[in-house]
Amino acid sequence: MNAPIATGFNVLGTPLETCGCNPITGWFRDGTCRTNPSDLGRHTVCAVMSDSFLSYSKAQGNDLSSPNEANAFPGLKPGDHWCICAARWLEAYWDGMAPPVILEACERSCLEIIPLELLQGKASPRD
């Protein structure tokens, strides 16, 4: 696998924190929203799942709520933390459906796609 693009920093310029481990998330399935050149979707936004976002994502063709045993994916429920694609989060934002984010766990390369101000407007405190 290619080396990560991420430098280990979040959108606030501090060390990247873990997004979620129950279920385990991230391109590398290490709980963080790190990325590398193989991650074409740039799974760099740590989002807190909500019913509305899960429904929205399913309607867009990405069913995150249903288990997929072939990929060892348990399915997500509201409250789960999950690394999502930066472009998908921005699309959801413009459609009024963006889920809250954990700024400390959003990898800073997502700022190439999403303005920091938009993420800050949807910031959720750490649990």
C-alpha atoms as a PDB file:
ATOM      1  CA  MET A   1       0.000   0.000   0.000  1.00  0.00           C
ATOM      2  CA  ASN A   2       1.224   3.524  -0.709  1.00  0.00           C
ATOM      3  CA  ALA A   3       2.476   5.760   2.076  1.00  0.00           C
ATOM      4  CA  PRO A   4      -0.136   8.105   3.537  1.00  0.00           C
ATOM      5  CA  ILE A   5      -0.512  11.622   2.145  1.00  0.00           C
ATOM      6  CA  ALA A   6      -1.598  12.766   5.580  1.00  0.00           C
ATOM      7  CA  THR A   7       1.023  14.378   7.730  1.00  0.00           C
ATOM      8  CA  GLY A   8      -0.737  13.494  10.944  1.00  0.00           C
ATOM      9  CA  PHE A   9      -2.455  16.837  11.410  1.00  0.00           C
ATOM     10  CA  ASN A  10      -6.097  17.820  11.549  1.00  0.00           C
ATOM     11  CA  VAL A  11      -7.902  20.850  10.114  1.00  0.00           C
ATOM     12  CA  LEU A  12      -7.011  22.839  13.242  1.00  0.00           C
ATOM     13  CA  GLY A  13      -3.277  22.232  12.731  1.00  0.00           C
ATOM     14  CA  THR A  14      -2.963  19.972  15.763  1.00  0.00           C
ATOM     15  CA  PRO A  15      -2.177  16.222  15.810  1.00  0.00           C
ATOM     16  CA  LEU A  16      -4.838  14.114  14.094  1.00  0.00           C
ATOM     17  CA  GLU A  17      -7.055  12.364  16.629  1.00  0.00           C
ATOM     18  CA  THR A  18      -8.872   9.054  16.296  1.00  0.00           C
ATOM     19  CA  CYS A  19     -12.267   9.280  14.629  1.00  0.00           C
ATOM     20  CA  GLY A  20     -13.821   5.980  15.629  1.00  0.00           C
ATOM     21  CA  CYS A  21     -13.033   2.427  16.581  1.00  0.00           C
ATOM     22  CA  ASN A  22     -16.518   1.005  17.189  1.00  0.00           C
ATOM     23  CA  PRO A  23     -16.922   0.260  14.366  1.00  0.00           C
ATOM     24  CA  ILE A  24     -13.346   0.736  13.191  1.00  0.00           C
ATOM     25  CA  THR A  25     -13.191   3.418  10.503  1.00  0.00           C
ATOM     26  CA  GLY A  26     -10.707   4.986   8.126  1.00  0.00           C
ATOM     27  CA  TRP A  27      -9.176   4.166   4.775  1.00  0.00           C
ATOM     28  CA  PHE A  28      -6.568   2.120   6.657  1.00  0.00           C
ATOM     29  CA  ARG A  29      -9.139   0.776   9.155  1.00  0.00           C
ATOM     30  CA  ASP A  30      -7.032   2.152  11.980  1.00  0.00           C
ATOM     31  CA  GLY A  31      -9.648   4.500  13.439  1.00  0.00           C
ATOM     32  CA  THR A  32      -8.215   7.646  11.827  1.00  0.00           C
ATOM     33  CA  CYS A  33      -9.173   9.598   8.713  1.00  0.00           C
ATOM     34  CA  ARG A  34      -5.695   9.341   7.149  1.00  0.00           C
ATOM     35  CA  THR A  35      -5.442   8.942   3.391  1.00  0.00           C
ATOM     36  CA  ASN A  36      -3.027   8.035   0.606  1.00  0.00           C
ATOM     37  CA  PRO A  37      -3.048   8.160  -3.229  1.00  0.00           C
ATOM     38  CA  SER A  38      -5.049   4.905  -3.421  1.00  0.00           C
ATOM     39  CA  ASP A  39      -7.941   6.549  -1.579  1.00  0.00           C
ATOM     40  CA  LEU A  40      -9.660   8.154  -4.541  1.00  0.00           C
ATOM     41  CA  GLY A  41     -12.605   9.223  -2.387  1.00  0.00           C
ATOM     42  CA  ARG A  42     -10.408  10.930   0.213  1.00  0.00           C
ATOM     43  CA  HIS A  43     -12.064   9.560   3.344  1.00  0.00           C
ATOM     44  CA  THR A  44     -10.775  12.457   5.450  1.00  0.00           C
ATOM     45  CA  VAL A  45     -13.859  13.887   7.183  1.00  0.00           C
ATOM     46  CA  CYS A  46     -14.727  12.452  10.599  1.00  0.00           C
ATOM     47  CA  ALA A  47     -18.519  12.595  10.640  1.00  0.00           C
ATOM     48  CA  VAL A  48     -21.021  11.776  13.349  1.00  0.00           C
ATOM     49  CA  MET A  49     -23.740   9.720  11.707  1.00  0.00           C
ATOM     50  CA  SER A  50     -27.347  10.901  11.891  1.00  0.00           C
ATOM     51  CA  ASP A  51     -30.580   9.361  10.641  1.00  0.00           C
ATOM     52  CA  SER A  52     -30.918  12.119   8.053  1.00  0.00           C
ATOM     53  CA  PHE A  53     -27.393  11.694   6.691  1.00  0.00           C
ATOM     54  CA  LEU A  54     -27.659   7.897   6.581  1.00  0.00           C
ATOM     55  CA  SER A  55     -30.912   8.217   4.605  1.00  0.00           C
ATOM     56  CA  TYR A  56     -29.386  10.861   2.344  1.00  0.00           C
ATOM     57  CA  SER A  57     -26.304   8.733   1.673  1.00  0.00           C
ATOM     58  CA  LYS A  58     -28.449   5.699   0.867  1.00  0.00           C
ATOM     59  CA  ALA A  59     -30.519   7.785  -1.568  1.00  0.00           C
ATOM     60  CA  GLN A  60     -27.247   8.854  -3.239  1.00  0.00           C
ATOM     61  CA  GLY A  61     -26.325   5.181  -3.778  1.00  0.00           C
ATOM     62  CA  ASN A  62     -24.022   4.695  -0.781  1.00  0.00           C
ATOM     63  CA  ASP A  63     -25.857   2.608   1.812  1.00  0.00           C
ATOM     64  CA  LEU A  64     -23.907   3.055   5.027  1.00  0.00           C
ATOM     65  CA  SER A  65     -26.603   1.699   7.322  1.00  0.00           C
ATOM     66  CA  SER A  66     -26.874  -1.868   5.998  1.00  0.00           C
ATOM     67  CA  PRO A  67     -24.313  -4.500   6.992  1.00  0.00           C
ATOM     68  CA  ASN A  68     -22.105  -5.914   4.234  1.00  0.00           C
ATOM     69  CA  GLU A  69     -20.558  -9.149   5.456  1.00  0.00           C
ATOM     70  CA  ALA A  70     -18.400  -9.546   2.333  1.00  0.00           C
ATOM     71  CA  ASN A  71     -16.497  -6.398   3.345  1.00  0.00           C
ATOM     72  CA  ALA A  72     -16.747  -7.001   7.113  1.00  0.00           C
ATOM     73  CA  PHE A  73     -18.864  -3.853   7.349  1.00  0.00           C
ATOM     74  CA  PRO A  74     -21.343  -3.879  10.251  1.00  0.00           C
ATOM     75  CA  GLY A  75     -23.551  -1.036   9.016  1.00  0.00           C
ATOM     76  CA  LEU A  76     -23.693   2.330  10.777  1.00  0.00           C
ATOM     77  CA  LYS A  77     -26.240   3.799  13.133  1.00  0.00           C
ATOM     78  CA  PRO A  78     -26.829   7.334  14.391  1.00  0.00           C
ATOM     79  CA  GLY A  79     -24.044   8.451  16.702  1.00  0.00           C
ATOM     80  CA  ASP A  80     -21.344   6.314  15.066  1.00  0.00           C
ATOM     81  CA  HIS A  81     -18.204   8.168  13.983  1.00  0.00           C
ATOM     82  CA  TRP A  82     -17.112   7.398  10.413  1.00  0.00           C
ATOM     83  CA  CYS A  83     -14.541   8.762   7.969  1.00  0.00           C
ATOM     84  CA  ILE A  84     -16.426   9.899   4.897  1.00  0.00           C
ATOM     85  CA  CYS A  85     -15.364  11.303   1.552  1.00  0.00           C
ATOM     86  CA  ALA A  86     -14.668  15.024   1.586  1.00  0.00           C
ATOM     87  CA  ALA A  87     -16.544  15.609  -1.680  1.00  0.00           C
ATOM     88  CA  ARG A  88     -19.577  13.654  -0.419  1.00  0.00           C
ATOM     89  CA  TRP A  89     -19.666  15.690   2.804  1.00  0.00           C
ATOM     90  CA  LEU A  90     -19.526  18.920   0.779  1.00  0.00           C
ATOM     91  CA  GLU A  91     -22.308  17.678  -1.515  1.00  0.00           C
ATOM     92  CA  ALA A  92     -24.410  16.846   1.538  1.00  0.00           C
ATOM     93  CA  TYR A  93     -23.644  20.281   2.976  1.00  0.00           C
ATOM     94  CA  TRP A  94     -24.978  22.052  -0.115  1.00  0.00           C
ATOM     95  CA  ASP A  95     -28.060  19.809   0.014  1.00  0.00           C
ATOM     96  CA  GLY A  96     -28.638  20.714   3.681  1.00  0.00           C
ATOM     97  CA  MET A  97     -27.857  17.164   4.850  1.00  0.00           C
ATOM     98  CA  ALA A  98     -24.242  17.292   6.094  1.00  0.00           C
ATOM     99  CA  PRO A  99     -23.629  15.428   9.335  1.00  0.00           C
ATOM    100  CA  PRO A 100     -21.757  16.997  12.253  1.00  0.00           C
ATOM    101  CA  VAL A 101     -17.970  16.623  12.198  1.00  0.00           C
ATOM    102  CA  ILE A 102     -15.228  16.117  14.771  1.00  0.00           C
ATOM    103  CA  LEU A 103     -12.694  18.782  13.744  1.00  0.00           C
ATOM    104  CA  GLU A 104      -9.848  17.210  15.727  1.00  0.00           C
ATOM    105  CA  ALA A 105     -10.259  13.997  13.705  1.00  0.00           C
ATOM    106  CA  CYS A 106     -10.719  15.512  10.198  1.00  0.00           C
ATOM    107  CA  GLU A 107      -7.464  15.098   8.284  1.00  0.00           C
ATOM    108  CA  ARG A 108      -6.250  18.477   7.065  1.00  0.00           C
ATOM    109  CA  SER A 109      -6.089  17.563   3.365  1.00  0.00           C
ATOM    110  CA  CYS A 110      -9.906  17.761   3.328  1.00  0.00           C
ATOM    111  CA  LEU A 111      -9.390  21.545   3.342  1.00  0.00           C
ATOM    112  CA  GLU A 112      -8.377  21.231  -0.317  1.00  0.00           C
ATOM    113  CA  ILE A 113     -12.062  20.442  -0.964  1.00  0.00           C
ATOM    114  CA  ILE A 114     -14.005  21.936   1.964  1.00  0.00           C
ATOM    115  CA  PRO A 115     -13.518  25.441   3.388  1.00  0.00           C
ATOM    116  CA  LEU A 116     -12.670  25.347   7.099  1.00  0.00           C
ATOM    117  CA  GLU A 117     -15.554  27.710   7.863  1.00  0.00           C
ATOM    118  CA  LEU A 118     -18.085  25.146   6.602  1.00  0.00           C
ATOM    119  CA  LEU A 119     -16.603  22.413   8.790  1.00  0.00           C
ATOM    120  CA  GLN A 120     -16.503  24.740  11.791  1.00  0.00           C
ATOM    121  CA  GLY A 121     -20.199  25.480  11.289  1.00  0.00           C
ATOM    122  CA  LYS A 122     -20.975  21.752  11.661  1.00  0.00           C
ATOM    123  CA  ALA A 123     -18.491  21.024  14.458  1.00  0.00           C
ATOM    124  CA  SER A 124     -19.563  18.584  17.147  1.00  0.00           C
ATOM    125  CA  PRO A 125     -17.833  18.214  20.509  1.00  0.00           C
ATOM    126  CA  ARG A 126     -15.923  15.004  21.229  1.00  0.00           C
ATOM    127  CA  ASP A 127     -17.962  12.438  23.130  1.00  0.00           C
END
